[in-house]
């Protein structure tokens, strides 16, 4: 099961997982602005969200292991869609056992990591 968590998005609003998914599946991605693999992958999330919107799939991006050189908020805004975006996700990454990024998980609507 995916560990539940509470965090803040880049606007400072509370985000509670898994409640934010409203019982729908989620694509969960751990990323950082300095990560070239993240920069290559993140734009594809827009297509994933569009392709699976009818099924209610949510895209959750969690900024983790950030080194202070980039601007994560500006990067998320540049993606061209509005994922559920969490700032300062190091503790969430630790709870999920994420050692390297990008980290990608699929969580079903019942909270189970697929």
C-alpha atoms as a PDB file:
ATOM      1  CA  UNK A   1       0.000   0.000   0.000  1.00  0.00           C
ATOM      2  CA  UNK A   2       1.118   3.534  -0.756  1.00  0.00           C
ATOM      3  CA  UNK A   3       1.937   5.398   2.445  1.00  0.00           C
ATOM      4  CA  UNK A   4      -0.516   8.242   3.066  1.00  0.00           C
ATOM      5  CA  UNK A   5       0.950  11.736   3.378  1.00  0.00           C
ATOM      6  CA  UNK A   6       0.047  15.371   3.822  1.00  0.00           C
ATOM      7  CA  UNK A   7       2.052  18.139   2.158  1.00  0.00           C
ATOM      8  CA  UNK A   8       1.762  21.553   0.524  1.00  0.00           C
ATOM      9  CA  UNK A   9       1.560  22.369  -3.153  1.00  0.00           C
ATOM     10  CA  UNK A  10       3.567  25.229  -4.658  1.00  0.00           C
ATOM     11  CA  UNK A  11       0.790  27.695  -3.803  1.00  0.00           C
ATOM     12  CA  UNK A  12       0.829  26.598  -0.156  1.00  0.00           C
ATOM     13  CA  UNK A  13      -2.449  24.637  -0.292  1.00  0.00           C
ATOM     14  CA  UNK A  14      -2.778  21.381   1.618  1.00  0.00           C
ATOM     15  CA  UNK A  15      -2.565  18.142  -0.369  1.00  0.00           C
ATOM     16  CA  UNK A  16      -3.591  14.905   1.344  1.00  0.00           C
ATOM     17  CA  UNK A  17      -2.808  11.605  -0.328  1.00  0.00           C
ATOM     18  CA  UNK A  18      -4.646   9.412  -1.161  1.00  0.00           C
ATOM     19  CA  UNK A  19      -7.719  11.624  -0.564  1.00  0.00           C
ATOM     20  CA  UNK A  20      -6.636  13.973  -3.372  1.00  0.00           C
ATOM     21  CA  UNK A  21      -7.117  11.154  -5.897  1.00  0.00           C
ATOM     22  CA  UNK A  22     -10.788  10.755  -4.947  1.00  0.00           C
ATOM     23  CA  UNK A  23     -10.509   6.976  -5.239  1.00  0.00           C
ATOM     24  CA  UNK A  24      -9.051   7.098  -8.746  1.00  0.00           C
ATOM     25  CA  UNK A  25      -5.681   5.766  -9.947  1.00  0.00           C
ATOM     26  CA  UNK A  26      -2.664   8.060  -9.844  1.00  0.00           C
ATOM     27  CA  UNK A  27       0.626   8.352 -11.666  1.00  0.00           C
ATOM     28  CA  UNK A  28       3.067   9.539  -8.996  1.00  0.00           C
ATOM     29  CA  UNK A  29       6.409  10.977 -10.091  1.00  0.00           C
ATOM     30  CA  UNK A  30       9.288  12.090  -7.865  1.00  0.00           C
ATOM     31  CA  UNK A  31      11.469  14.637  -9.663  1.00  0.00           C
ATOM     32  CA  UNK A  32      13.927  17.540  -9.375  1.00  0.00           C
ATOM     33  CA  UNK A  33      14.822  20.449 -11.636  1.00  0.00           C
ATOM     34  CA  UNK A  34      18.465  19.348 -11.943  1.00  0.00           C
ATOM     35  CA  UNK A  35      17.547  15.859 -13.182  1.00  0.00           C
ATOM     36  CA  UNK A  36      17.952  15.505 -16.987  1.00  0.00           C
ATOM     37  CA  UNK A  37      15.834  12.325 -17.044  1.00  0.00           C
ATOM     38  CA  UNK A  38      13.047  14.166 -15.230  1.00  0.00           C
ATOM     39  CA  UNK A  39      13.184  17.019 -17.749  1.00  0.00           C
ATOM     40  CA  UNK A  40      12.942  14.505 -20.588  1.00  0.00           C
ATOM     41  CA  UNK A  41      10.015  12.614 -19.020  1.00  0.00           C
ATOM     42  CA  UNK A  42       7.885  15.299 -17.343  1.00  0.00           C
ATOM     43  CA  UNK A  43       6.407  16.782 -20.559  1.00  0.00           C
ATOM     44  CA  UNK A  44       4.912  13.349 -21.382  1.00  0.00           C
ATOM     45  CA  UNK A  45       2.784  13.543 -18.251  1.00  0.00           C
ATOM     46  CA  UNK A  46       0.508  15.999 -20.041  1.00  0.00           C
ATOM     47  CA  UNK A  47      -0.293  13.302 -22.602  1.00  0.00           C
ATOM     48  CA  UNK A  48      -0.791  10.674 -19.909  1.00  0.00           C
ATOM     49  CA  UNK A  49      -3.237  12.914 -18.099  1.00  0.00           C
ATOM     50  CA  UNK A  50      -5.136  13.674 -21.328  1.00  0.00           C
ATOM     51  CA  UNK A  51      -5.196  10.042 -22.473  1.00  0.00           C
ATOM     52  CA  UNK A  52      -6.612   8.774 -19.173  1.00  0.00           C
ATOM     53  CA  UNK A  53      -8.739  11.723 -18.038  1.00  0.00           C
ATOM     54  CA  UNK A  54     -11.996   9.857 -18.747  1.00  0.00           C
ATOM     55  CA  UNK A  55     -10.886   7.116 -16.339  1.00  0.00           C
ATOM     56  CA  UNK A  56     -10.148   9.772 -13.689  1.00  0.00           C
ATOM     57  CA  UNK A  57      -6.394   9.144 -13.531  1.00  0.00           C
ATOM     58  CA  UNK A  58      -4.589  11.839 -11.544  1.00  0.00           C
ATOM     59  CA  UNK A  59      -1.004  12.954 -12.115  1.00  0.00           C
ATOM     60  CA  UNK A  60       0.893  13.750  -8.910  1.00  0.00           C
ATOM     61  CA  UNK A  61       4.377  15.230  -9.181  1.00  0.00           C
ATOM     62  CA  UNK A  62       6.477  15.451  -6.033  1.00  0.00           C
ATOM     63  CA  UNK A  63       9.568  17.623  -6.035  1.00  0.00           C
ATOM     64  CA  UNK A  64      12.285  15.818  -4.079  1.00  0.00           C
ATOM     65  CA  UNK A  65      16.048  15.880  -3.702  1.00  0.00           C
ATOM     66  CA  UNK A  66      16.085  19.439  -5.011  1.00  0.00           C
ATOM     67  CA  UNK A  67      19.459  21.153  -4.677  1.00  0.00           C
ATOM     68  CA  UNK A  68      18.363  24.803  -4.742  1.00  0.00           C
ATOM     69  CA  UNK A  69      19.723  25.623  -8.201  1.00  0.00           C
ATOM     70  CA  UNK A  70      16.398  25.448 -10.053  1.00  0.00           C
ATOM     71  CA  UNK A  71      12.920  26.874  -9.589  1.00  0.00           C
ATOM     72  CA  UNK A  72      10.554  23.910  -9.182  1.00  0.00           C
ATOM     73  CA  UNK A  73       7.421  26.061  -9.111  1.00  0.00           C
ATOM     74  CA  UNK A  74       8.300  27.772 -12.403  1.00  0.00           C
ATOM     75  CA  UNK A  75       9.160  24.421 -13.952  1.00  0.00           C
ATOM     76  CA  UNK A  76       5.774  22.904 -13.068  1.00  0.00           C
ATOM     77  CA  UNK A  77       4.026  25.987 -14.468  1.00  0.00           C
ATOM     78  CA  UNK A  78       5.959  25.565 -17.738  1.00  0.00           C
ATOM     79  CA  UNK A  79       4.605  22.041 -18.331  1.00  0.00           C
ATOM     80  CA  UNK A  80       1.421  23.270 -19.992  1.00  0.00           C
ATOM     81  CA  UNK A  81      -0.986  21.424 -17.715  1.00  0.00           C
ATOM     82  CA  UNK A  82      -1.809  21.472 -14.010  1.00  0.00           C
ATOM     83  CA  UNK A  83      -0.728  18.274 -12.258  1.00  0.00           C
ATOM     84  CA  UNK A  84      -1.141  17.906  -8.522  1.00  0.00           C
ATOM     85  CA  UNK A  85       2.294  19.326  -7.699  1.00  0.00           C
ATOM     86  CA  UNK A  86       3.897  19.003  -4.288  1.00  0.00           C
ATOM     87  CA  UNK A  87       6.835  21.042  -3.032  1.00  0.00           C
ATOM     88  CA  UNK A  88       9.496  19.849  -0.579  1.00  0.00           C
ATOM     89  CA  UNK A  89       8.749  16.146  -0.947  1.00  0.00           C
ATOM     90  CA  UNK A  90      11.905  14.690   0.590  1.00  0.00           C
ATOM     91  CA  UNK A  91      10.041  13.095   3.501  1.00  0.00           C
ATOM     92  CA  UNK A  92       7.454  11.618   1.141  1.00  0.00           C
ATOM     93  CA  UNK A  93      10.256  10.179  -1.030  1.00  0.00           C
ATOM     94  CA  UNK A  94      11.802   8.647   2.083  1.00  0.00           C
ATOM     95  CA  UNK A  95       8.469   7.081   3.097  1.00  0.00           C
ATOM     96  CA  UNK A  96       8.210   5.494  -0.368  1.00  0.00           C
ATOM     97  CA  UNK A  97      11.805   4.296  -0.369  1.00  0.00           C
ATOM     98  CA  UNK A  98      12.721   6.496  -3.345  1.00  0.00           C
ATOM     99  CA  UNK A  99      16.510   6.603  -3.533  1.00  0.00           C
ATOM    100  CA  UNK A 100      16.921   7.873  -7.083  1.00  0.00           C
ATOM    101  CA  UNK A 101      14.915  10.130  -9.308  1.00  0.00           C
ATOM    102  CA  UNK A 102      12.954  10.199 -11.377  1.00  0.00           C
ATOM    103  CA  UNK A 103      10.825   7.826  -9.384  1.00  0.00           C
ATOM    104  CA  UNK A 104       7.610   6.627 -10.986  1.00  0.00           C
ATOM    105  CA  UNK A 105       4.772   4.775  -9.290  1.00  0.00           C
ATOM    106  CA  UNK A 106       1.275   3.839 -10.325  1.00  0.00           C
ATOM    107  CA  UNK A 107      -1.159   3.769  -7.414  1.00  0.00           C
ATOM    108  CA  UNK A 108      -4.583   2.244  -7.970  1.00  0.00           C
ATOM    109  CA  UNK A 109      -7.797   3.790  -6.669  1.00  0.00           C
ATOM    110  CA  UNK A 110      -7.580   1.738  -3.466  1.00  0.00           C
ATOM    111  CA  UNK A 111      -4.088   3.002  -2.614  1.00  0.00           C
ATOM    112  CA  UNK A 112      -2.128  -0.059  -3.734  1.00  0.00           C
ATOM    113  CA  UNK A 113       1.125   0.468  -5.609  1.00  0.00           C
ATOM    114  CA  UNK A 114       0.771  -1.442  -8.862  1.00  0.00           C
END
